[in-house]
Amino acid sequence: MNQEIKINLTKLAGAFVRNLTGSSGAVKRCLVIPLENSGLYIEDGKVYIKVIGLELKEPKSQTHLVKLAVDFQEYIHMDEKQKNALPIIGGVKEFGKPK
């Protein structure tokens, strides 16, 4: 089954939308995300984000919630309050299914 994954990038720490003027003078709407403390990391000159999909026990329109991934060793030492505090940044639903 194919899945549609929707991620709200403005939920990443420090992210914001701003109009920026390029060298041509054209104004473009841009998303700015600091690399520090946002969950983004650089590997081989490319920028990545690791996320986890947590299956919903009683799915409605979405089957999973998407949260930032943390190191597994760190995750297993978190209590439920810490796990719940990880921000939900998106969701997963069956591809082609209406909201």
PDB file of N, CA and C in Angstrom:
ATOM      1  N   MET A   1       0.844  -1.169   0.000  1.00  0.00           N
ATOM      2  CA  MET A   1       0.000   0.000   0.000  1.00  0.00           C
ATOM      3  C   MET A   1       0.899   1.245   0.000  1.00  0.00           C
ATOM      4  N   ASN A   2       0.616   2.177  -0.876  1.00  0.00           N
ATOM      5  CA  ASN A   2       1.379   3.418  -0.944  1.00  0.00           C
ATOM      6  C   ASN A   2       0.880   4.402   0.106  1.00  0.00           C
ATOM      7  N   GLN A   3       1.815   5.177   0.651  1.00  0.00           N
ATOM      8  CA  GLN A   3       1.502   6.109   1.729  1.00  0.00           C
ATOM      9  C   GLN A   3       1.828   7.541   1.317  1.00  0.00           C
ATOM     10  N   GLU A   4       1.031   8.483   1.765  1.00  0.00           N
ATOM     11  CA  GLU A   4       1.305   9.907   1.577  1.00  0.00           C
ATOM     12  C   GLU A   4       1.787  10.448   2.915  1.00  0.00           C
ATOM     13  N   ILE A   5       2.934  11.116   2.900  1.00  0.00           N
ATOM     14  CA  ILE A   5       3.521  11.649   4.128  1.00  0.00           C
ATOM     15  C   ILE A   5       3.544  13.160   4.022  1.00  0.00           C
ATOM     16  N   LYS A   6       2.942  13.821   4.988  1.00  0.00           N
ATOM     17  CA  LYS A   6       2.871  15.277   5.004  1.00  0.00           C
ATOM     18  C   LYS A   6       3.621  15.771   6.237  1.00  0.00           C
ATOM     19  N   ILE A   7       4.634  16.653   6.016  1.00  0.00           N
ATOM     20  CA  ILE A   7       5.452  17.153   7.117  1.00  0.00           C
ATOM     21  C   ILE A   7       5.374  18.674   7.160  1.00  0.00           C
ATOM     22  N   ASN A   8       5.090  19.213   8.336  1.00  0.00           N
ATOM     23  CA  ASN A   8       5.035  20.652   8.555  1.00  0.00           C
ATOM     24  C   ASN A   8       6.431  21.125   8.963  1.00  0.00           C
ATOM     25  N   LEU A   9       7.190  21.626   8.013  1.00  0.00           N
ATOM     26  CA  LEU A   9       8.572  22.029   8.274  1.00  0.00           C
ATOM     27  C   LEU A   9       8.663  23.231   9.207  1.00  0.00           C
ATOM     28  N   THR A  10       7.596  24.009   9.326  1.00  0.00           N
ATOM     29  CA  THR A  10       7.629  25.154  10.240  1.00  0.00           C
ATOM     30  C   THR A  10       7.575  24.710  11.705  1.00  0.00           C
ATOM     31  N   LYS A  11       7.322  23.431  11.949  1.00  0.00           N
ATOM     32  CA  LYS A  11       7.341  22.912  13.320  1.00  0.00           C
ATOM     33  C   LYS A  11       8.754  22.606  13.802  1.00  0.00           C
ATOM     34  N   LEU A  12       9.727  22.625  12.891  1.00  0.00           N
ATOM     35  CA  LEU A  12      11.113  22.388  13.302  1.00  0.00           C
ATOM     36  C   LEU A  12      11.608  23.594  14.085  1.00  0.00           C
ATOM     37  N   ALA A  13      12.425  23.350  15.098  1.00  0.00           N
ATOM     38  CA  ALA A  13      12.913  24.412  15.979  1.00  0.00           C
ATOM     39  C   ALA A  13      13.596  25.517  15.183  1.00  0.00           C
ATOM     40  N   GLY A  14      13.143  26.744  15.388  1.00  0.00           N
ATOM     41  CA  GLY A  14      13.759  27.912  14.769  1.00  0.00           C
ATOM     42  C   GLY A  14      13.317  28.195  13.350  1.00  0.00           C
ATOM     43  N   ALA A  15      12.453  27.370  12.772  1.00  0.00           N
ATOM     44  CA  ALA A  15      12.030  27.559  11.382  1.00  0.00           C
ATOM     45  C   ALA A  15      11.068  28.736  11.257  1.00  0.00           C
ATOM     46  N   PHE A  16      11.199  29.469  10.147  1.00  0.00           N
ATOM     47  CA  PHE A  16      10.272  30.567   9.870  1.00  0.00           C
ATOM     48  C   PHE A  16      10.218  30.838   8.374  1.00  0.00           C
ATOM     49  N   VAL A  17       9.150  31.499   7.947  1.00  0.00           N
ATOM     50  CA  VAL A  17       8.964  31.888   6.549  1.00  0.00           C
ATOM     51  C   VAL A  17       9.249  33.380   6.450  1.00  0.00           C
ATOM     52  N   ARG A  18      10.004  33.752   5.417  1.00  0.00           N
ATOM     53  CA  ARG A  18      10.403  35.153   5.263  1.00  0.00           C
ATOM     54  C   ARG A  18      10.514  35.468   3.784  1.00  0.00           C
ATOM     55  N   ASN A  19      10.152  36.682   3.400  1.00  0.00           N
ATOM     56  CA  ASN A  19      10.396  37.149   2.041  1.00  0.00           C
ATOM     57  C   ASN A  19      11.841  37.587   1.941  1.00  0.00           C
ATOM     58  N   LEU A  20      12.561  37.039   0.952  1.00  0.00           N
ATOM     59  CA  LEU A  20      13.956  37.391   0.735  1.00  0.00           C
ATOM     60  C   LEU A  20      14.134  37.900  -0.690  1.00  0.00           C
ATOM     61  N   THR A  21      15.000  38.884  -0.844  1.00  0.00           N
ATOM     62  CA  THR A  21      15.291  39.440  -2.158  1.00  0.00           C
ATOM     63  C   THR A  21      16.567  38.803  -2.681  1.00  0.00           C
ATOM     64  N   GLY A  22      16.468  38.202  -3.850  1.00  0.00           N
ATOM     65  CA  GLY A  22      17.627  37.556  -4.460  1.00  0.00           C
ATOM     66  C   GLY A  22      18.497  38.549  -5.204  1.00  0.00           C
ATOM     67  N   SER A  23      19.586  38.059  -5.785  1.00  0.00           N
ATOM     68  CA  SER A  23      20.525  38.928  -6.495  1.00  0.00           C
ATOM     69  C   SER A  23      19.893  39.562  -7.722  1.00  0.00           C
ATOM     70  N   SER A  24      18.853  38.931  -8.276  1.00  0.00           N
ATOM     71  CA  SER A  24      18.165  39.503  -9.444  1.00  0.00           C
ATOM     72  C   SER A  24      17.188  40.599  -9.040  1.00  0.00           C
ATOM     73  N   GLY A  25      16.974  40.757  -7.740  1.00  0.00           N
ATOM     74  CA  GLY A  25      16.017  41.747  -7.251  1.00  0.00           C
ATOM     75  C   GLY A  25      14.625  41.179  -7.036  1.00  0.00           C
ATOM     76  N   ALA A  26      14.411  39.932  -7.439  1.00  0.00           N
ATOM     77  CA  ALA A  26      13.100  39.300  -7.260  1.00  0.00           C
ATOM     78  C   ALA A  26      12.910  38.899  -5.801  1.00  0.00           C
ATOM     79  N   VAL A  27      11.718  39.161  -5.281  1.00  0.00           N
ATOM     80  CA  VAL A  27      11.385  38.779  -3.909  1.00  0.00           C
ATOM     81  C   VAL A  27      10.737  37.408  -3.947  1.00  0.00           C
ATOM     82  N   LYS A  28      11.248  36.496  -3.126  1.00  0.00           N
ATOM     83  CA  LYS A  28      10.698  35.138  -3.057  1.00  0.00           C
ATOM     84  C   LYS A  28      10.411  34.788  -1.610  1.00  0.00           C
ATOM     85  N   ARG A  29       9.344  34.048  -1.423  1.00  0.00           N
ATOM     86  CA  ARG A  29       9.002  33.554  -0.093  1.00  0.00           C
ATOM     87  C   ARG A  29       9.877  32.350   0.206  1.00  0.00           C
ATOM     88  N   CYS A  30      10.584  32.367   1.323  1.00  0.00           N
ATOM     89  CA  CYS A  30      11.545  31.312   1.640  1.00  0.00           C
ATOM     90  C   CYS A  30      11.279  30.725   3.021  1.00  0.00           C
ATOM     91  N   LEU A  31      11.620  29.462   3.157  1.00  0.00           N
ATOM     92  CA  LEU A  31      11.592  28.784   4.451  1.00  0.00           C
ATOM     93  C   LEU A  31      13.020  28.754   4.957  1.00  0.00           C
ATOM     94  N   VAL A  32      13.246  29.275   6.167  1.00  0.00           N
ATOM     95  CA  VAL A  32      14.576  29.292   6.767  1.00  0.00           C
ATOM     96  C   VAL A  32      14.556  28.355   7.970  1.00  0.00           C
ATOM     97  N   ILE A  33      15.494  27.399   7.976  1.00  0.00           N
ATOM     98  CA  ILE A  33      15.583  26.435   9.080  1.00  0.00           C
ATOM     99  C   ILE A  33      17.029  26.371   9.540  1.00  0.00           C
ATOM    100  N   PRO A  34      17.309  26.787  10.771  1.00  0.00           N
ATOM    101  CA  PRO A  34      18.679  26.638  11.272  1.00  0.00           C
ATOM    102  C   PRO A  34      19.035  25.152  11.393  1.00  0.00           C
ATOM    103  N   LEU A  35      20.266  24.818  11.105  1.00  0.00           N
ATOM    104  CA  LEU A  35      20.680  23.418  11.222  1.00  0.00           C
ATOM    105  C   LEU A  35      20.811  22.991  12.675  1.00  0.00           C
ATOM    106  N   GLU A  36      21.225  23.903  13.537  1.00  0.00           N
ATOM    107  CA  GLU A  36      21.399  23.577  14.945  1.00  0.00           C
ATOM    108  C   GLU A  36      20.041  23.388  15.625  1.00  0.00           C
ATOM    109  N   ASN A  37      19.899  22.321  16.365  1.00  0.00           N
ATOM    110  CA  ASN A  37      18.723  22.036  17.209  1.00  0.00           C
ATOM    111  C   ASN A  37      17.408  21.897  16.452  1.00  0.00           C
ATOM    112  N   SER A  38      17.459  21.685  15.138  1.00  0.00           N
ATOM    113  CA  SER A  38      16.217  21.561  14.374  1.00  0.00           C
ATOM    114  C   SER A  38      15.906  20.120  13.994  1.00  0.00           C
ATOM    115  N   GLY A  39      16.849  19.222  14.218  1.00  0.00           N
ATOM    116  CA  GLY A  39      16.670  17.847  13.789  1.00  0.00           C
ATOM    117  C   GLY A  39      17.297  17.589  12.428  1.00  0.00           C
ATOM    118  N   LEU A  40      17.774  18.648  11.758  1.00  0.00           N
ATOM    119  CA  LEU A  40      18.451  18.497  10.480  1.00  0.00           C
ATOM    120  C   LEU A  40      19.929  18.209  10.722  1.00  0.00           C
ATOM    121  N   TYR A  41      20.537  17.453   9.818  1.00  0.00           N
ATOM    122  CA  TYR A  41      21.962  17.195   9.938  1.00  0.00           C
ATOM    123  C   TYR A  41      22.576  17.074   8.549  1.00  0.00           C
ATOM    124  N   ILE A  42      23.878  17.324   8.470  1.00  0.00           N
ATOM    125  CA  ILE A  42      24.601  17.255   7.198  1.00  0.00           C
ATOM    126  C   ILE A  42      25.414  15.970   7.163  1.00  0.00           C
ATOM    127  N   GLU A  43      25.286  15.274   6.038  1.00  0.00           N
ATOM    128  CA  GLU A  43      26.047  14.049   5.808  1.00  0.00           C
ATOM    129  C   GLU A  43      26.436  14.036   4.338  1.00  0.00           C
ATOM    130  N   ASP A  44      27.715  13.927   4.064  1.00  0.00           N
ATOM    131  CA  ASP A  44      28.225  13.921   2.684  1.00  0.00           C
ATOM    132  C   ASP A  44      27.769  15.152   1.896  1.00  0.00           C
ATOM    133  N   GLY A  45      27.706  16.297   2.573  1.00  0.00           N
ATOM    134  CA  GLY A  45      27.349  17.544   1.910  1.00  0.00           C
ATOM    135  C   GLY A  45      25.865  17.704   1.616  1.00  0.00           C
ATOM    136  N   LYS A  46      25.054  16.798   2.100  1.00  0.00           N
ATOM    137  CA  LYS A  46      23.592  16.868   1.890  1.00  0.00           C
ATOM    138  C   LYS A  46      22.910  17.055   3.239  1.00  0.00           C
ATOM    139  N   VAL A  47      21.736  17.692   3.224  1.00  0.00           N
ATOM    140  CA  VAL A  47      21.001  17.942   4.470  1.00  0.00           C
ATOM    141  C   VAL A  47      19.864  16.925   4.583  1.00  0.00           C
ATOM    142  N   TYR A  48      19.803  16.257   5.742  1.00  0.00           N
ATOM    143  CA  TYR A  48      18.808  15.227   5.993  1.00  0.00           C
ATOM    144  C   TYR A  48      18.023  15.536   7.262  1.00  0.00           C
ATOM    145  N   ILE A  49      16.882  14.865   7.370  1.00  0.00           N
ATOM    146  CA  ILE A  49      16.107  14.860   8.614  1.00  0.00           C
ATOM    147  C   ILE A  49      15.661  13.418   8.835  1.00  0.00           C
ATOM    148  N   LYS A  50      15.796  12.933  10.065  1.00  0.00           N
ATOM    149  CA  LYS A  50      15.333  11.587  10.417  1.00  0.00           C
ATOM    150  C   LYS A  50      14.017  11.739  11.151  1.00  0.00           C
ATOM    151  N   VAL A  51      13.033  10.987  10.719  1.00  0.00           N
ATOM    152  CA  VAL A  51      11.732  11.012  11.377  1.00  0.00           C
ATOM    153  C   VAL A  51      11.302   9.586  11.682  1.00  0.00           C
ATOM    154  N   ILE A  52      10.342   9.457  12.579  1.00  0.00           N
ATOM    155  CA  ILE A  52       9.750   8.154  12.860  1.00  0.00           C
ATOM    156  C   ILE A  52       8.241   8.263  12.661  1.00  0.00           C
ATOM    157  N   GLY A  53       7.653   7.193  12.182  1.00  0.00           N
ATOM    158  CA  GLY A  53       6.203   7.117  12.041  1.00  0.00           C
ATOM    159  C   GLY A  53       5.652   6.247  13.154  1.00  0.00           C
ATOM    160  N   LEU A  54       4.805   6.828  13.966  1.00  0.00           N
ATOM    161  CA  LEU A  54       4.210   6.094  15.086  1.00  0.00           C
ATOM    162  C   LEU A  54       2.784   5.714  14.721  1.00  0.00           C
ATOM    163  N   GLU A  55       2.530   4.419  14.680  1.00  0.00           N
ATOM    164  CA  GLU A  55       1.225   3.919  14.266  1.00  0.00           C
ATOM    165  C   GLU A  55       0.150   4.327  15.272  1.00  0.00           C
ATOM    166  N   LEU A  56      -0.961   4.817  14.753  1.00  0.00           N
ATOM    167  CA  LEU A  56      -2.089   5.200  15.608  1.00  0.00           C
ATOM    168  C   LEU A  56      -2.890   3.956  15.966  1.00  0.00           C
ATOM    169  N   LYS A  57      -3.309   3.871  17.221  1.00  0.00           N
ATOM    170  CA  LYS A  57      -4.084   2.713  17.668  1.00  0.00           C
ATOM    171  C   LYS A  57      -5.477   2.702  17.063  1.00  0.00           C
ATOM    172  N   GLU A  58      -6.061   3.894  16.908  1.00  0.00           N
ATOM    173  CA  GLU A  58      -7.390   4.017  16.306  1.00  0.00           C
ATOM    174  C   GLU A  58      -7.328   5.014  15.158  1.00  0.00           C
ATOM    175  N   PRO A  59      -6.788   4.577  13.999  1.00  0.00           N
ATOM    176  CA  PRO A  59      -6.623   5.509  12.883  1.00  0.00           C
ATOM    177  C   PRO A  59      -7.955   5.960  12.296  1.00  0.00           C
ATOM    178  N   LYS A  60      -7.973   7.219  11.886  1.00  0.00           N
ATOM    179  CA  LYS A  60      -9.138   7.769  11.182  1.00  0.00           C
ATOM    180  C   LYS A  60      -8.664   8.091   9.776  1.00  0.00           C
ATOM    181  N   SER A  61      -8.379   9.361   9.494  1.00  0.00           N
ATOM    182  CA  SER A  61      -7.868   9.699   8.165  1.00  0.00           C
ATOM    183  C   SER A  61      -6.375   9.410   8.063  1.00  0.00           C
ATOM    184  N   GLN A  62      -5.660   9.472   9.192  1.00  0.00           N
ATOM    185  CA  GLN A  62      -4.231   9.196   9.203  1.00  0.00           C
ATOM    186  C   GLN A  62      -3.964   7.865   9.896  1.00  0.00           C
ATOM    187  N   THR A  63      -2.910   7.176   9.423  1.00  0.00           N
ATOM    188  CA  THR A  63      -2.549   5.890  10.018  1.00  0.00           C
ATOM    189  C   THR A  63      -1.395   6.015  11.001  1.00  0.00           C
ATOM    190  N   HIS A  64      -0.550   7.068  10.820  1.00  0.00           N
ATOM    191  CA  HIS A  64       0.626   7.271  11.664  1.00  0.00           C
ATOM    192  C   HIS A  64       0.828   8.757  11.945  1.00  0.00           C
ATOM    193  N   LEU A  65       1.468   9.062  13.053  1.00  0.00           N
ATOM    194  CA  LEU A  65       1.954  10.406  13.339  1.00  0.00           C
ATOM    195  C   LEU A  65       3.438  10.416  13.007  1.00  0.00           C
ATOM    196  N   VAL A  66       3.950  11.550  12.553  1.00  0.00           N
ATOM    197  CA  VAL A  66       5.373  11.678  12.245  1.00  0.00           C
ATOM    198  C   VAL A  66       6.006  12.595  13.281  1.00  0.00           C
ATOM    199  N   LYS A  67       7.068  12.091  13.917  1.00  0.00           N
ATOM    200  CA  LYS A  67       7.833  12.867  14.894  1.00  0.00           C
ATOM    201  C   LYS A  67       9.298  12.836  14.507  1.00  0.00           C
ATOM    202  N   LEU A  68      10.049  13.817  15.015  1.00  0.00           N
ATOM    203  CA  LEU A  68      11.493  13.787  14.808  1.00  0.00           C
ATOM    204  C   LEU A  68      12.052  12.538  15.457  1.00  0.00           C
ATOM    205  N   ALA A  69      12.976  11.894  14.783  1.00  0.00           N
ATOM    206  CA  ALA A  69      13.621  10.713  15.350  1.00  0.00           C
ATOM    207  C   ALA A  69      14.737  11.151  16.283  1.00  0.00           C
ATOM    208  N   VAL A  70      14.927  10.405  17.329  1.00  0.00           N
ATOM    209  CA  VAL A  70      16.064  10.602  18.228  1.00  0.00           C
ATOM    210  C   VAL A  70      16.858   9.298  18.207  1.00  0.00           C
ATOM    211  N   ASP A  71      18.083   9.356  18.660  1.00  0.00           N
ATOM    212  CA  ASP A  71      18.913   8.170  18.746  1.00  0.00           C
ATOM    213  C   ASP A  71      18.184   7.091  19.557  1.00  0.00           C
ATOM    214  N   PHE A  72      18.232   5.850  19.095  1.00  0.00           N
ATOM    215  CA  PHE A  72      17.492   4.769  19.752  1.00  0.00           C
ATOM    216  C   PHE A  72      17.875   4.621  21.217  1.00  0.00           C
ATOM    217  N   GLN A  73      19.169   4.699  21.522  1.00  0.00           N
ATOM    218  CA  GLN A  73      19.605   4.570  22.915  1.00  0.00           C
ATOM    219  C   GLN A  73      19.027   5.697  23.772  1.00  0.00           C
ATOM    220  N   GLU A  74      18.950   6.884  23.197  1.00  0.00           N
ATOM    221  CA  GLU A  74      18.355   8.017  23.910  1.00  0.00           C
ATOM    222  C   GLU A  74      16.849   7.776  24.107  1.00  0.00           C
ATOM    223  N   TYR A  75      16.194   7.258  23.047  1.00  0.00           N
ATOM    224  CA  TYR A  75      14.746   7.033  23.091  1.00  0.00           C
ATOM    225  C   TYR A  75      14.354   6.020  24.167  1.00  0.00           C
ATOM    226  N   ILE A  76      15.113   4.928  24.283  1.00  0.00           N
ATOM    227  CA  ILE A  76      14.716   3.893  25.253  1.00  0.00           C
ATOM    228  C   ILE A  76      14.905   4.360  26.691  1.00  0.00           C
ATOM    229  N   HIS A  77      15.696   5.410  26.897  1.00  0.00           N
ATOM    230  CA  HIS A  77      15.882   5.944  28.244  1.00  0.00           C
ATOM    231  C   HIS A  77      14.933   7.098  28.555  1.00  0.00           C
ATOM    232  N   MET A  78      14.091   7.478  27.590  1.00  0.00           N
ATOM    233  CA  MET A  78      13.117   8.554  27.824  1.00  0.00           C
ATOM    234  C   MET A  78      11.915   8.000  28.574  1.00  0.00           C
ATOM    235  N   ASP A  79      11.325   8.824  29.434  1.00  0.00           N
ATOM    236  CA  ASP A  79      10.062   8.426  30.043  1.00  0.00           C
ATOM    237  C   ASP A  79       8.926   8.837  29.098  1.00  0.00           C
ATOM    238  N   GLU A  80       7.712   8.441  29.418  1.00  0.00           N
ATOM    239  CA  GLU A  80       6.565   8.720  28.539  1.00  0.00           C
ATOM    240  C   GLU A  80       6.359  10.218  28.320  1.00  0.00           C
ATOM    241  N   LYS A  81       6.585  11.012  29.365  1.00  0.00           N
ATOM    242  CA  LYS A  81       6.428  12.459  29.245  1.00  0.00           C
ATOM    243  C   LYS A  81       7.407  13.025  28.216  1.00  0.00           C
ATOM    244  N   GLN A  82       8.648  12.571  28.246  1.00  0.00           N
ATOM    245  CA  GLN A  82       9.663  13.029  27.286  1.00  0.00           C
ATOM    246  C   GLN A  82       9.321  12.571  25.869  1.00  0.00           C
ATOM    247  N   LYS A  83       8.854  11.333  25.730  1.00  0.00           N
ATOM    248  CA  LYS A  83       8.469  10.824  24.407  1.00  0.00           C
ATOM    249  C   LYS A  83       7.296  11.622  23.849  1.00  0.00           C
ATOM    250  N   ASN A  84       6.316  11.906  24.695  1.00  0.00           N
ATOM    251  CA  ASN A  84       5.150  12.680  24.256  1.00  0.00           C
ATOM    252  C   ASN A  84       5.505  14.116  23.922  1.00  0.00           C
ATOM    253  N   ALA A  85       6.596  14.634  24.513  1.00  0.00           N
ATOM    254  CA  ALA A  85       7.004  16.021  24.268  1.00  0.00           C
ATOM    255  C   ALA A  85       7.688  16.198  22.911  1.00  0.00           C
ATOM    256  N   LEU A  86       8.116  15.092  22.275  1.00  0.00           N
ATOM    257  CA  LEU A  86       8.687  15.217  20.935  1.00  0.00           C
ATOM    258  C   LEU A  86       7.604  15.777  20.020  1.00  0.00           C
ATOM    259  N   PRO A  87       7.901  16.840  19.261  1.00  0.00           N
ATOM    260  CA  PRO A  87       6.848  17.477  18.470  1.00  0.00           C
ATOM    261  C   PRO A  87       6.339  16.593  17.327  1.00  0.00           C
ATOM    262  N   ILE A  88       5.024  16.626  17.136  1.00  0.00           N
ATOM    263  CA  ILE A  88       4.413  15.978  15.977  1.00  0.00           C
ATOM    264  C   ILE A  88       4.608  16.936  14.807  1.00  0.00           C
ATOM    265  N   ILE A  89       5.307  16.485  13.778  1.00  0.00           N
ATOM    266  CA  ILE A  89       5.576  17.366  12.650  1.00  0.00           C
ATOM    267  C   ILE A  89       4.826  16.948  11.383  1.00  0.00           C
ATOM    268  N   GLY A  90       4.023  15.890  11.474  1.00  0.00           N
ATOM    269  CA  GLY A  90       3.283  15.477  10.295  1.00  0.00           C
ATOM    270  C   GLY A  90       2.465  14.233  10.531  1.00  0.00           C
ATOM    271  N   GLY A  91       1.962  13.706   9.419  1.00  0.00           N
ATOM    272  CA  GLY A  91       1.130  12.522   9.492  1.00  0.00           C
ATOM    273  C   GLY A  91       1.244  11.697   8.213  1.00  0.00           C
ATOM    274  N   VAL A  92       0.746  10.470   8.305  1.00  0.00           N
ATOM    275  CA  VAL A  92       0.784   9.532   7.172  1.00  0.00           C
ATOM    276  C   VAL A  92      -0.637   9.051   6.920  1.00  0.00           C
ATOM    277  N   LYS A  93      -1.004   9.001   5.648  1.00  0.00           N
ATOM    278  CA  LYS A  93      -2.306   8.435   5.284  1.00  0.00           C
ATOM    279  C   LYS A  93      -2.137   7.620   4.010  1.00  0.00           C
ATOM    280  N   GLU A  94      -3.118   6.800   3.739  1.00  0.00           N
ATOM    281  CA  GLU A  94      -3.078   5.996   2.510  1.00  0.00           C
ATOM    282  C   GLU A  94      -3.120   6.934   1.317  1.00  0.00           C
ATOM    283  N   PHE A  95      -2.220   6.710   0.361  1.00  0.00           N
ATOM    284  CA  PHE A  95      -2.129   7.558  -0.809  1.00  0.00           C
ATOM    285  C   PHE A  95      -3.431   7.514  -1.612  1.00  0.00           C
ATOM    286  N   GLY A  96      -3.950   8.696  -1.938  1.00  0.00           N
ATOM    287  CA  GLY A  96      -5.164   8.790  -2.725  1.00  0.00           C
ATOM    288  C   GLY A  96      -6.442   8.836  -1.919  1.00  0.00           C
ATOM    289  N   LYS A  97      -6.342   8.629  -0.614  1.00  0.00           N
ATOM    290  CA  LYS A  97      -7.522   8.668   0.250  1.00  0.00           C
ATOM    291  C   LYS A  97      -7.825  10.133   0.617  1.00  0.00           C
ATOM    292  N   PRO A  98      -9.085  10.548   0.570  1.00  0.00           N
ATOM    293  CA  PRO A  98      -9.408  11.922   0.946  1.00  0.00           C
ATOM    294  C   PRO A  98      -9.154  12.179   2.427  1.00  0.00           C
ATOM    295  N   LYS A  99      -9.047  13.482   2.793  1.00  0.00           N
ATOM    296  CA  LYS A  99      -8.829  13.851   4.198  1.00  0.00           C
ATOM    297  C   LYS A  99      -9.934  13.285   5.003  1.00  0.00           C
TER     298      LYS A  99
END
